[in-house]
Amino acid sequence: MKHNETYPIGTPGKPWDEADLNAWLTRQRVRRSYEKDVLSAIDGLRDDFTVETYGTLPYASLVGRDYPLYLVKSRKWDVNKPILVVTGGVHGYETSGVHGAIRFLQTKAKAYESSVNVLVFPCISPWGYETINRWNPLAVDPNRSFLPEAPAQEAGLAMAALAKIEGDVLMHIDLHETTDTDNSEFRPALAAREGTVNTNWNIPDGFYLVGDSERPTLDFQKAILKSVRKVTHIAEADERNELIGAPIDYPGLIHYAGKRHGLCMGLTDAPYVSTTEVYPDSAQATPEECVEAQVAAVVGGIDFALNARS
């Protein structure tokens, strides 16, 4: 969808009302299974990790069902060890974020448990996962909702769960994707919802990172990019030397203010924070490479953070 085309819901120049929100929700369809794809994989981790329910999204009145939420953490939790946090599926449609978090648990996490506590939220937005959607059923973006009065329950429940965890967080990596549907659906929908004019951004071809401008850690971000480069290519800046409308600070790296904008990367006060962005629509990448790139990002970040701490 081009920026000058009208989104099929709402009146141009006017924010959505309740009827528009309902019309948007009726267009959404379940396209894959949270239970089959995600919960079954989480169940397979119970022999090695502690799996806990940290809340339920009460969406039965809206979409016909509620969604239980799960976290996975080290079985032998030690409050004297630093915590490594991984979040996936804040935007449920970003597939490799969910499966990258699970793959990390399946293949790499145990190797670090002698020196750290591992805490993973594999799928923060399960309805978004099932409907391949950026928003929740109320048309609220969870990744703008990590605020004291969280507009999205997905964010609020994750924040409340983390607040109960004892220990200090050393590193947090939030796993995301940038997809072609950002321009074809989600940015036009956002503009329609807000009653503004949409201007699409250039979709970067490749992996990149969003660091927290409130906690810049260039060497940490470089270490992640170096690790990911072994798996997939790093996105190049556009003709304005930008990625998704933000100036690059290093090849493959831009910065946003995490806490101020309610981003998930502002979830903790960890000294090392990053948001990954994989590009699954690239002709140069496969779905498997996207998942492995997320794992490589987590591993690269952990290795740097632990070395820096020692």
C-alpha atoms as a PDB file:
ATOM      1  CA  MET A   1       0.000   0.000   0.000  1.00  0.00           C
ATOM      2  CA  LYS A   2       1.426   3.367  -0.983  1.00  0.00           C
ATOM      3  CA  HIS A   3       1.374   6.241   1.448  1.00  0.00           C
ATOM      4  CA  ASN A   4      -1.302   8.144  -0.481  1.00  0.00           C
ATOM      5  CA  GLU A   5      -3.805   5.281  -0.576  1.00  0.00           C
ATOM      6  CA  THR A   6      -6.654   5.121   1.913  1.00  0.00           C
ATOM      7  CA  TYR A   7      -6.755   2.356   4.505  1.00  0.00           C
ATOM      8  CA  PRO A   8     -10.054   0.439   4.194  1.00  0.00           C
ATOM      9  CA  ILE A   9     -11.160   1.288   7.746  1.00  0.00           C
ATOM     10  CA  GLY A  10     -11.932   4.720   9.132  1.00  0.00           C
ATOM     11  CA  THR A  11     -12.329   8.220   7.749  1.00  0.00           C
ATOM     12  CA  PRO A  12      -9.183   9.978   6.484  1.00  0.00           C
ATOM     13  CA  GLY A  13      -8.044  12.621   8.939  1.00  0.00           C
ATOM     14  CA  LYS A  14     -10.142  11.281  11.837  1.00  0.00           C
ATOM     15  CA  PRO A  15      -8.948   8.890  14.556  1.00  0.00           C
ATOM     16  CA  TRP A  16     -10.777   5.602  14.793  1.00  0.00           C
ATOM     17  CA  ASP A  17     -13.891   5.393  16.922  1.00  0.00           C
ATOM     18  CA  GLU A  18     -15.296   2.250  18.532  1.00  0.00           C
ATOM     19  CA  ALA A  19     -17.037   1.194  15.330  1.00  0.00           C
ATOM     20  CA  ASP A  20     -13.751   1.450  13.421  1.00  0.00           C
ATOM     21  CA  LEU A  21     -11.942  -0.595  16.066  1.00  0.00           C
ATOM     22  CA  ASN A  22     -14.620  -3.268  15.868  1.00  0.00           C
ATOM     23  CA  ALA A  23     -14.428  -3.264  12.074  1.00  0.00           C
ATOM     24  CA  TRP A  24     -10.671  -3.761  12.282  1.00  0.00           C
ATOM     25  CA  LEU A  25     -11.016  -6.632  14.755  1.00  0.00           C
ATOM     26  CA  THR A  26     -13.573  -8.460  12.596  1.00  0.00           C
ATOM     27  CA  ARG A  27     -11.008  -8.532   9.758  1.00  0.00           C
ATOM     28  CA  GLN A  28      -8.490 -10.502  11.832  1.00  0.00           C
ATOM     29  CA  ARG A  29      -8.257 -14.260  11.377  1.00  0.00           C
ATOM     30  CA  VAL A  30      -6.407 -17.008  13.254  1.00  0.00           C
ATOM     31  CA  ARG A  31      -3.737 -18.259  10.860  1.00  0.00           C
ATOM     32  CA  ARG A  32      -1.564 -20.490  13.057  1.00  0.00           C
ATOM     33  CA  SER A  33      -1.649 -22.154  16.463  1.00  0.00           C
ATOM     34  CA  TYR A  34      -0.120 -20.828  19.671  1.00  0.00           C
ATOM     35  CA  GLU A  35      -0.637 -24.220  21.314  1.00  0.00           C
ATOM     36  CA  LYS A  36       0.882 -26.269  18.510  1.00  0.00           C
ATOM     37  CA  ASP A  37       3.770 -23.984  17.602  1.00  0.00           C
ATOM     38  CA  VAL A  38       4.711 -22.385  20.913  1.00  0.00           C
ATOM     39  CA  LEU A  39       3.233 -24.090  23.970  1.00  0.00           C
ATOM     40  CA  SER A  40       4.218 -27.559  22.792  1.00  0.00           C
ATOM     41  CA  ALA A  41       7.809 -26.383  22.417  1.00  0.00           C
ATOM     42  CA  ILE A  42       7.738 -24.751  25.851  1.00  0.00           C
ATOM     43  CA  ASP A  43       6.401 -27.995  27.352  1.00  0.00           C
ATOM     44  CA  GLY A  44       9.432 -29.765  25.908  1.00  0.00           C
ATOM     45  CA  LEU A  45      11.695 -27.582  28.039  1.00  0.00           C
ATOM     46  CA  ARG A  46      10.282 -28.617  31.415  1.00  0.00           C
ATOM     47  CA  ASP A  47      12.948 -31.250  32.088  1.00  0.00           C
ATOM     48  CA  ASP A  48      15.710 -28.638  31.973  1.00  0.00           C
ATOM     49  CA  PHE A  49      14.041 -25.401  33.064  1.00  0.00           C
ATOM     50  CA  THR A  50      11.325 -24.051  35.310  1.00  0.00           C
ATOM     51  CA  VAL A  51       8.239 -23.116  33.289  1.00  0.00           C
ATOM     52  CA  GLU A  52       5.772 -20.765  34.976  1.00  0.00           C
ATOM     53  CA  THR A  53       2.485 -19.141  34.045  1.00  0.00           C
ATOM     54  CA  TYR A  54       2.724 -15.420  34.716  1.00  0.00           C
ATOM     55  CA  GLY A  55      -0.764 -14.377  33.688  1.00  0.00           C
ATOM     56  CA  THR A  56      -3.656 -14.781  31.311  1.00  0.00           C
ATOM     57  CA  LEU A  57      -4.829 -12.394  28.617  1.00  0.00           C
ATOM     58  CA  PRO A  58      -8.637 -12.208  29.129  1.00  0.00           C
ATOM     59  CA  TYR A  59      -9.693 -11.933  25.517  1.00  0.00           C
ATOM     60  CA  ALA A  60     -12.599 -14.414  25.453  1.00  0.00           C
ATOM     61  CA  SER A  61     -15.195 -11.662  25.071  1.00  0.00           C
ATOM     62  CA  LEU A  62     -13.275 -10.175  22.151  1.00  0.00           C
ATOM     63  CA  VAL A  63     -11.908 -13.148  20.224  1.00  0.00           C
ATOM     64  CA  GLY A  64     -13.503 -16.194  21.820  1.00  0.00           C
ATOM     65  CA  ARG A  65     -10.675 -17.350  24.061  1.00  0.00           C
ATOM     66  CA  ASP A  66      -8.186 -16.348  26.736  1.00  0.00           C
ATOM     67  CA  TYR A  67      -4.427 -16.775  26.334  1.00  0.00           C
ATOM     68  CA  PRO A  68      -2.152 -18.154  29.083  1.00  0.00           C
ATOM     69  CA  LEU A  69       1.310 -16.602  29.239  1.00  0.00           C
ATOM     70  CA  TYR A  70       4.502 -18.464  30.131  1.00  0.00           C
ATOM     71  CA  LEU A  71       8.033 -17.669  31.123  1.00  0.00           C
ATOM     72  CA  VAL A  72      10.980 -20.065  31.213  1.00  0.00           C
ATOM     73  CA  LYS A  73      13.806 -19.665  33.710  1.00  0.00           C
ATOM     74  CA  SER A  74      16.800 -21.428  35.172  1.00  0.00           C
ATOM     75  CA  ARG A  75      15.787 -24.295  37.441  1.00  0.00           C
ATOM     76  CA  LYS A  76      18.449 -23.529  40.065  1.00  0.00           C
ATOM     77  CA  TRP A  77      17.841 -19.809  40.510  1.00  0.00           C
ATOM     78  CA  ASP A  78      20.572 -18.036  42.463  1.00  0.00           C
ATOM     79  CA  VAL A  79      19.925 -14.422  43.480  1.00  0.00           C
ATOM     80  CA  ASN A  80      23.694 -13.842  43.599  1.00  0.00           C
ATOM     81  CA  LYS A  81      24.035 -14.515  39.871  1.00  0.00           C
ATOM     82  CA  PRO A  82      23.274 -11.917  37.193  1.00  0.00           C
ATOM     83  CA  ILE A  83      20.105 -12.357  35.140  1.00  0.00           C
ATOM     84  CA  LEU A  84      20.013 -12.588  31.363  1.00  0.00           C
ATOM     85  CA  VAL A  85      16.590 -11.700  29.944  1.00  0.00           C
ATOM     86  CA  VAL A  86      15.351 -12.604  26.463  1.00  0.00           C
ATOM     87  CA  THR A  87      11.942 -11.484  25.206  1.00  0.00           C
ATOM     88  CA  GLY A  88      10.240 -12.762  22.078  1.00  0.00           C
ATOM     89  CA  GLY A  89       6.916 -12.197  20.399  1.00  0.00           C
ATOM     90  CA  VAL A  90       6.259  -8.711  21.740  1.00  0.00           C
ATOM     91  CA  HIS A  91       5.009  -8.275  18.205  1.00  0.00           C
ATOM     92  CA  GLY A  92       3.449 -11.693  17.735  1.00  0.00           C
ATOM     93  CA  TYR A  93       3.675 -11.646  13.949  1.00  0.00           C
ATOM     94  CA  GLU A  94       7.475 -11.485  14.070  1.00  0.00           C
ATOM     95  CA  THR A  95       7.987 -15.218  13.832  1.00  0.00           C
ATOM     96  CA  SER A  96      11.718 -15.639  14.393  1.00  0.00           C
ATOM     97  CA  GLY A  97      11.501 -13.605  17.591  1.00  0.00           C
ATOM     98  CA  VAL A  98       9.306 -16.285  19.144  1.00  0.00           C
ATOM     99  CA  HIS A  99      11.136 -19.264  17.708  1.00  0.00           C
ATOM    100  CA  GLY A 100      14.556 -17.706  18.232  1.00  0.00           C
ATOM    101  CA  ALA A 101      13.827 -17.369  21.958  1.00  0.00           C
ATOM    102  CA  ILE A 102      12.730 -21.008  22.086  1.00  0.00           C
ATOM    103  CA  ARG A 103      15.692 -22.182  20.011  1.00  0.00           C
ATOM    104  CA  PHE A 104      18.081 -20.389  22.372  1.00  0.00           C
ATOM    105  CA  LEU A 105      16.554 -22.306  25.279  1.00  0.00           C
ATOM    106  CA  GLN A 106      16.725 -25.591  23.387  1.00  0.00           C
ATOM    107  CA  THR A 107      20.330 -25.271  22.248  1.00  0.00           C
ATOM    108  CA  LYS A 108      22.388 -22.687  24.137  1.00  0.00           C
ATOM    109  CA  ALA A 109      20.933 -21.569  27.453  1.00  0.00           C
ATOM    110  CA  LYS A 110      22.079 -24.506  29.574  1.00  0.00           C
ATOM    111  CA  ALA A 111      25.718 -23.729  28.814  1.00  0.00           C
ATOM    112  CA  TYR A 112      25.436 -20.437  30.694  1.00  0.00           C
ATOM    113  CA  GLU A 113      23.572 -21.560  33.796  1.00  0.00           C
ATOM    114  CA  SER A 114      26.665 -22.157  35.905  1.00  0.00           C
ATOM    115  CA  SER A 115      27.327 -18.422  35.998  1.00  0.00           C
ATOM    116  CA  VAL A 116      23.998 -16.719  35.258  1.00  0.00           C
ATOM    117  CA  ASN A 117      20.239 -16.958  35.674  1.00  0.00           C
ATOM    118  CA  VAL A 118      18.402 -17.260  32.360  1.00  0.00           C
ATOM    119  CA  LEU A 119      14.909 -15.754  32.061  1.00  0.00           C
ATOM    120  CA  VAL A 120      12.985 -15.978  28.774  1.00  0.00           C
ATOM    121  CA  PHE A 121       9.541 -14.702  27.788  1.00  0.00           C
ATOM    122  CA  PRO A 122       9.104 -16.654  24.529  1.00  0.00           C
ATOM    123  CA  CYS A 123       5.815 -15.183  23.289  1.00  0.00           C
ATOM    124  CA  ILE A 124       4.507 -12.046  24.969  1.00  0.00           C
ATOM    125  CA  SER A 125       1.691 -11.517  22.419  1.00  0.00           C
ATOM    126  CA  PRO A 126       0.121 -14.897  21.604  1.00  0.00           C
ATOM    127  CA  TRP A 127      -2.983 -13.477  19.896  1.00  0.00           C
ATOM    128  CA  GLY A 128      -0.650 -11.471  17.690  1.00  0.00           C
ATOM    129  CA  TYR A 129       1.245 -14.679  16.965  1.00  0.00           C
ATOM    130  CA  GLU A 130      -1.884 -16.540  15.936  1.00  0.00           C
ATOM    131  CA  THR A 131      -3.298 -13.749  13.765  1.00  0.00           C
ATOM    132  CA  ILE A 132       0.127 -12.594  12.475  1.00  0.00           C
ATOM    133  CA  ASN A 133      -0.510  -9.159  13.919  1.00  0.00           C
ATOM    134  CA  ARG A 134       1.503  -6.305  15.362  1.00  0.00           C
ATOM    135  CA  TRP A 135      -1.275  -5.151  17.695  1.00  0.00           C
ATOM    136  CA  ASN A 136      -3.396  -6.850  20.329  1.00  0.00           C
ATOM    137  CA  PRO A 137      -7.181  -7.276  19.848  1.00  0.00           C
ATOM    138  CA  LEU A 138      -7.746  -3.735  21.115  1.00  0.00           C
ATOM    139  CA  ALA A 139      -5.514  -2.365  18.325  1.00  0.00           C
ATOM    140  CA  VAL A 140      -2.835  -1.414  20.863  1.00  0.00           C
ATOM    141  CA  ASP A 141       0.860  -1.952  20.121  1.00  0.00           C
ATOM    142  CA  PRO A 142       2.476  -3.854  23.022  1.00  0.00           C
ATOM    143  CA  ASN A 143       5.878  -2.466  22.054  1.00  0.00           C
ATOM    144  CA  ARG A 144       4.780   1.065  22.883  1.00  0.00           C
ATOM    145  CA  SER A 145       3.208  -0.054  26.150  1.00  0.00           C
ATOM    146  CA  PHE A 146       6.057  -0.794  28.568  1.00  0.00           C
ATOM    147  CA  LEU A 147       5.061   2.185  30.687  1.00  0.00           C
ATOM    148  CA  PRO A 148       3.917   2.615  34.318  1.00  0.00           C
ATOM    149  CA  GLU A 149       0.263   2.574  33.182  1.00  0.00           C
ATOM    150  CA  ALA A 150       0.693  -0.037  30.468  1.00  0.00           C
ATOM    151  CA  PRO A 151      -1.851   0.475  27.649  1.00  0.00           C
ATOM    152  CA  ALA A 152      -1.454  -3.179  26.608  1.00  0.00           C
ATOM    153  CA  GLN A 153      -1.944  -6.021  29.082  1.00  0.00           C
ATOM    154  CA  GLU A 154       0.775  -7.966  27.274  1.00  0.00           C
ATOM    155  CA  ALA A 155       3.295  -5.392  28.469  1.00  0.00           C
ATOM    156  CA  GLY A 156       1.775  -4.904  31.899  1.00  0.00           C
ATOM    157  CA  LEU A 157       1.795  -8.606  32.738  1.00  0.00           C
ATOM    158  CA  ALA A 158       5.410  -9.028  31.619  1.00  0.00           C
ATOM    159  CA  MET A 159       6.443  -6.017  33.705  1.00  0.00           C
ATOM    160  CA  ALA A 160       4.631  -7.381  36.748  1.00  0.00           C
ATOM    161  CA  ALA A 161       6.246 -10.794  36.310  1.00  0.00           C
ATOM    162  CA  LEU A 162       9.721  -9.336  36.089  1.00  0.00           C
ATOM    163  CA  ALA A 163       9.128  -7.179  39.168  1.00  0.00           C
ATOM    164  CA  LYS A 164       8.717 -10.381  41.203  1.00  0.00           C
ATOM    165  CA  ILE A 165      12.056 -11.815  40.074  1.00  0.00           C
ATOM    166  CA  GLU A 166      14.911 -11.512  42.564  1.00  0.00           C
ATOM    167  CA  GLY A 167      18.337 -10.436  41.331  1.00  0.00           C
ATOM    168  CA  ASP A 168      19.999  -7.915  39.049  1.00  0.00           C
ATOM    169  CA  VAL A 169      19.548  -7.997  35.286  1.00  0.00           C
ATOM    170  CA  LEU A 170      22.837  -7.794  33.409  1.00  0.00           C
ATOM    171  CA  MET A 171      21.523  -8.050  29.845  1.00  0.00           C
ATOM    172  CA  HIS A 172      18.209  -7.878  28.013  1.00  0.00           C
ATOM    173  CA  ILE A 173      17.761  -8.673  24.327  1.00  0.00           C
ATOM    174  CA  ASP A 174      14.353  -8.193  22.716  1.00  0.00           C
ATOM    175  CA  LEU A 175      13.881 -10.242  19.533  1.00  0.00           C
ATOM    176  CA  HIS A 176      12.070  -8.612  16.606  1.00  0.00           C
ATOM    177  CA  GLU A 177      11.687  -8.600  12.829  1.00  0.00           C
ATOM    178  CA  THR A 178      11.162  -5.893  10.225  1.00  0.00           C
ATOM    179  CA  THR A 179       8.894  -7.222   7.478  1.00  0.00           C
ATOM    180  CA  ASP A 180       7.414  -5.994   4.211  1.00  0.00           C
ATOM    181  CA  THR A 181       4.024  -5.920   5.938  1.00  0.00           C
ATOM    182  CA  ASP A 182       5.278  -2.996   8.011  1.00  0.00           C
ATOM    183  CA  ASN A 183       4.653  -0.915   4.888  1.00  0.00           C
ATOM    184  CA  SER A 184       1.801  -2.857   3.312  1.00  0.00           C
ATOM    185  CA  GLU A 185      -0.347  -3.133   6.451  1.00  0.00           C
ATOM    186  CA  PHE A 186       0.881  -1.960   9.813  1.00  0.00           C
ATOM    187  CA  ARG A 187       2.077   1.578   9.148  1.00  0.00           C
ATOM    188  CA  PRO A 188      -0.992   2.381   7.020  1.00  0.00           C
ATOM    189  CA  ALA A 189      -3.206   0.925   9.762  1.00  0.00           C
ATOM    190  CA  LEU A 190      -1.436   3.029  12.403  1.00  0.00           C
ATOM    191  CA  ALA A 191      -1.935   6.216  10.394  1.00  0.00           C
ATOM    192  CA  ALA A 192      -5.601   5.366   9.858  1.00  0.00           C
ATOM    193  CA  ARG A 193      -6.088   4.634  13.562  1.00  0.00           C
ATOM    194  CA  GLU A 194      -4.519   7.955  14.533  1.00  0.00           C
ATOM    195  CA  GLY A 195      -6.138   9.986  11.744  1.00  0.00           C
ATOM    196  CA  THR A 196      -2.773  11.013  10.306  1.00  0.00           C
ATOM    197  CA  VAL A 197      -1.048  10.663   6.943  1.00  0.00           C
ATOM    198  CA  ASN A 198       1.135   7.596   6.465  1.00  0.00           C
ATOM    199  CA  THR A 199       4.648   7.830   5.075  1.00  0.00           C
ATOM    200  CA  ASN A 200       6.270   4.453   4.553  1.00  0.00           C
ATOM    201  CA  TRP A 201       9.890   3.906   5.470  1.00  0.00           C
ATOM    202  CA  ASN A 202      12.511   2.013   3.512  1.00  0.00           C
ATOM    203  CA  ILE A 203      12.592  -1.627   4.579  1.00  0.00           C
ATOM    204  CA  PRO A 204      16.223  -2.596   5.293  1.00  0.00           C
ATOM    205  CA  ASP A 205      17.435  -5.757   3.596  1.00  0.00           C
ATOM    206  CA  GLY A 206      19.189  -7.613   6.366  1.00  0.00           C
ATOM    207  CA  PHE A 207      19.708  -7.776  10.112  1.00  0.00           C
ATOM    208  CA  TYR A 208      20.119  -4.644  12.215  1.00  0.00           C
ATOM    209  CA  LEU A 209      19.963  -3.572  15.850  1.00  0.00           C
ATOM    210  CA  VAL A 210      18.149  -0.882  17.783  1.00  0.00           C
ATOM    211  CA  GLY A 211      20.160   0.182  20.797  1.00  0.00           C
ATOM    212  CA  ASP A 212      18.835   2.224  23.693  1.00  0.00           C
ATOM    213  CA  SER A 213      19.905   5.857  23.336  1.00  0.00           C
ATOM    214  CA  GLU A 214      19.438   6.231  27.099  1.00  0.00           C
ATOM    215  CA  ARG A 215      22.053   3.475  27.639  1.00  0.00           C
ATOM    216  CA  PRO A 216      24.380   3.475  24.612  1.00  0.00           C
ATOM    217  CA  THR A 217      26.827   0.555  24.571  1.00  0.00           C
ATOM    218  CA  LEU A 218      28.562   0.536  21.204  1.00  0.00           C
ATOM    219  CA  ASP A 219      30.990  -2.317  21.925  1.00  0.00           C
ATOM    220  CA  PHE A 220      28.125  -4.518  23.085  1.00  0.00           C
ATOM    221  CA  GLN A 221      26.157  -3.837  19.906  1.00  0.00           C
ATOM    222  CA  LYS A 222      29.245  -4.488  17.786  1.00  0.00           C
ATOM    223  CA  ALA A 223      29.698  -7.869  19.468  1.00  0.00           C
ATOM    224  CA  ILE A 224      26.128  -8.848  18.615  1.00  0.00           C
ATOM    225  CA  LEU A 225      26.527  -7.780  14.988  1.00  0.00           C
ATOM    226  CA  LYS A 226      29.787  -9.713  14.717  1.00  0.00           C
ATOM    227  CA  SER A 227      28.074 -12.843  15.998  1.00  0.00           C
ATOM    228  CA  VAL A 228      25.073 -12.459  13.679  1.00  0.00           C
ATOM    229  CA  ARG A 229      27.241 -11.774  10.637  1.00  0.00           C
ATOM    230  CA  LYS A 230      28.274 -15.444  10.757  1.00  0.00           C
ATOM    231  CA  VAL A 231      24.652 -16.420  10.091  1.00  0.00           C
ATOM    232  CA  THR A 232      23.085 -13.727   7.920  1.00  0.00           C
ATOM    233  CA  HIS A 233      23.881 -10.403   6.281  1.00  0.00           C
ATOM    234  CA  ILE A 234      23.759  -7.019   8.002  1.00  0.00           C
ATOM    235  CA  ALA A 235      21.462  -4.349   6.556  1.00  0.00           C
ATOM    236  CA  GLU A 236      23.024  -1.414   4.753  1.00  0.00           C
ATOM    237  CA  ALA A 237      21.827   2.143   5.288  1.00  0.00           C
ATOM    238  CA  ASP A 238      19.576   3.777   2.707  1.00  0.00           C
ATOM    239  CA  GLU A 239      20.462   6.791   0.564  1.00  0.00           C
ATOM    240  CA  ARG A 240      19.860   9.073   3.573  1.00  0.00           C
ATOM    241  CA  ASN A 241      22.240   6.993   5.706  1.00  0.00           C
ATOM    242  CA  GLU A 242      19.277   5.791   7.754  1.00  0.00           C
ATOM    243  CA  LEU A 243      17.490   2.604   8.760  1.00  0.00           C
ATOM    244  CA  ILE A 244      13.686   2.823   9.151  1.00  0.00           C
ATOM    245  CA  GLY A 245      13.952   6.593   9.266  1.00  0.00           C
ATOM    246  CA  ALA A 246      16.625   6.758  11.984  1.00  0.00           C
ATOM    247  CA  PRO A 247      20.246   7.789  11.392  1.00  0.00           C
ATOM    248  CA  ILE A 248      22.773   4.989  11.708  1.00  0.00           C
ATOM    249  CA  ASP A 249      25.325   5.238  14.498  1.00  0.00           C
ATOM    250  CA  TYR A 250      27.352   2.258  13.260  1.00  0.00           C
ATOM    251  CA  PRO A 251      26.772  -0.060  10.290  1.00  0.00           C
ATOM    252  CA  GLY A 252      23.670  -2.061  11.254  1.00  0.00           C
ATOM    253  CA  LEU A 253      22.879   0.007  14.361  1.00  0.00           C
ATOM    254  CA  ILE A 254      20.397   2.761  15.192  1.00  0.00           C
ATOM    255  CA  HIS A 255      19.132   4.033  18.548  1.00  0.00           C
ATOM    256  CA  TYR A 256      15.755   4.842  20.115  1.00  0.00           C
ATOM    257  CA  ALA A 257      14.924   6.016  23.636  1.00  0.00           C
ATOM    258  CA  GLY A 258      13.642   2.776  25.120  1.00  0.00           C
ATOM    259  CA  LYS A 259      11.892   3.746  28.338  1.00  0.00           C
ATOM    260  CA  ARG A 260      10.575   7.060  27.041  1.00  0.00           C
ATOM    261  CA  HIS A 261       8.817   5.387  24.107  1.00  0.00           C
ATOM    262  CA  GLY A 262       7.525   2.430  26.114  1.00  0.00           C
ATOM    263  CA  LEU A 263       9.615  -0.082  24.188  1.00  0.00           C
ATOM    264  CA  CYS A 264      10.246  -3.547  25.559  1.00  0.00           C
ATOM    265  CA  MET A 265      13.977  -2.824  25.654  1.00  0.00           C
ATOM    266  CA  GLY A 266      13.106  -0.436  28.510  1.00  0.00           C
ATOM    267  CA  LEU A 267      11.692  -3.351  30.536  1.00  0.00           C
ATOM    268  CA  THR A 268      14.768  -3.551  32.790  1.00  0.00           C
ATOM    269  CA  ASP A 269      17.583  -1.340  34.056  1.00  0.00           C
ATOM    270  CA  ALA A 270      20.190  -3.701  32.614  1.00  0.00           C
ATOM    271  CA  PRO A 271      23.453  -2.046  31.514  1.00  0.00           C
ATOM    272  CA  TYR A 272      23.397  -4.073  28.283  1.00  0.00           C
ATOM    273  CA  VAL A 273      20.269  -3.799  26.160  1.00  0.00           C
ATOM    274  CA  SER A 274      19.448  -4.329  22.497  1.00  0.00           C
ATOM    275  CA  THR A 275      16.547  -4.960  20.142  1.00  0.00           C
ATOM    276  CA  THR A 276      17.185  -7.240  17.186  1.00  0.00           C
ATOM    277  CA  GLU A 277      15.578  -6.760  13.783  1.00  0.00           C
ATOM    278  CA  VAL A 278      15.706  -9.681  11.348  1.00  0.00           C
ATOM    279  CA  TYR A 279      14.411  -9.332   7.774  1.00  0.00           C
ATOM    280  CA  PRO A 280      12.573 -12.569   6.874  1.00  0.00           C
ATOM    281  CA  ASP A 281      11.397 -11.284   3.475  1.00  0.00           C
ATOM    282  CA  SER A 282      14.940 -11.003   2.137  1.00  0.00           C
ATOM    283  CA  ALA A 283      15.831 -13.056  -0.914  1.00  0.00           C
ATOM    284  CA  GLN A 284      19.144 -13.676   0.852  1.00  0.00           C
ATOM    285  CA  ALA A 285      17.717 -15.297   3.991  1.00  0.00           C
ATOM    286  CA  THR A 286      15.661 -18.358   4.895  1.00  0.00           C
ATOM    287  CA  PRO A 287      13.283 -18.791   7.853  1.00  0.00           C
ATOM    288  CA  GLU A 288      15.859 -21.057   9.487  1.00  0.00           C
ATOM    289  CA  GLU A 289      18.599 -18.449   9.068  1.00  0.00           C
ATOM    290  CA  CYS A 290      16.331 -15.870  10.681  1.00  0.00           C
ATOM    291  CA  VAL A 291      15.828 -18.068  13.739  1.00  0.00           C
ATOM    292  CA  GLU A 292      19.547 -18.828  13.940  1.00  0.00           C
ATOM    293  CA  ALA A 293      20.349 -15.117  13.608  1.00  0.00           C
ATOM    294  CA  GLN A 294      18.243 -14.434  16.699  1.00  0.00           C
ATOM    295  CA  VAL A 295      20.115 -17.129  18.615  1.00  0.00           C
ATOM    296  CA  ALA A 296      23.448 -15.740  17.430  1.00  0.00           C
ATOM    297  CA  ALA A 297      22.418 -12.294  18.631  1.00  0.00           C
ATOM    298  CA  VAL A 298      21.602 -13.571  22.106  1.00  0.00           C
ATOM    299  CA  VAL A 299      24.814 -15.585  22.338  1.00  0.00           C
ATOM    300  CA  GLY A 300      26.959 -12.709  21.092  1.00  0.00           C
ATOM    301  CA  GLY A 301      25.372 -10.389  23.617  1.00  0.00           C
ATOM    302  CA  ILE A 302      25.744 -12.793  26.526  1.00  0.00           C
ATOM    303  CA  ASP A 303      29.379 -13.540  25.792  1.00  0.00           C
ATOM    304  CA  PHE A 304      30.230  -9.842  25.670  1.00  0.00           C
ATOM    305  CA  ALA A 305      28.260  -8.970  28.811  1.00  0.00           C
ATOM    306  CA  LEU A 306      29.837 -11.755  30.842  1.00  0.00           C
ATOM    307  CA  ASN A 307      33.343 -10.893  29.672  1.00  0.00           C
ATOM    308  CA  ALA A 308      32.787  -7.236  30.446  1.00  0.00           C
ATOM    309  CA  ARG A 309      31.551  -8.107  33.926  1.00  0.00           C
ATOM    310  CA  SER A 310      34.480 -10.388  34.786  1.00  0.00           C
END
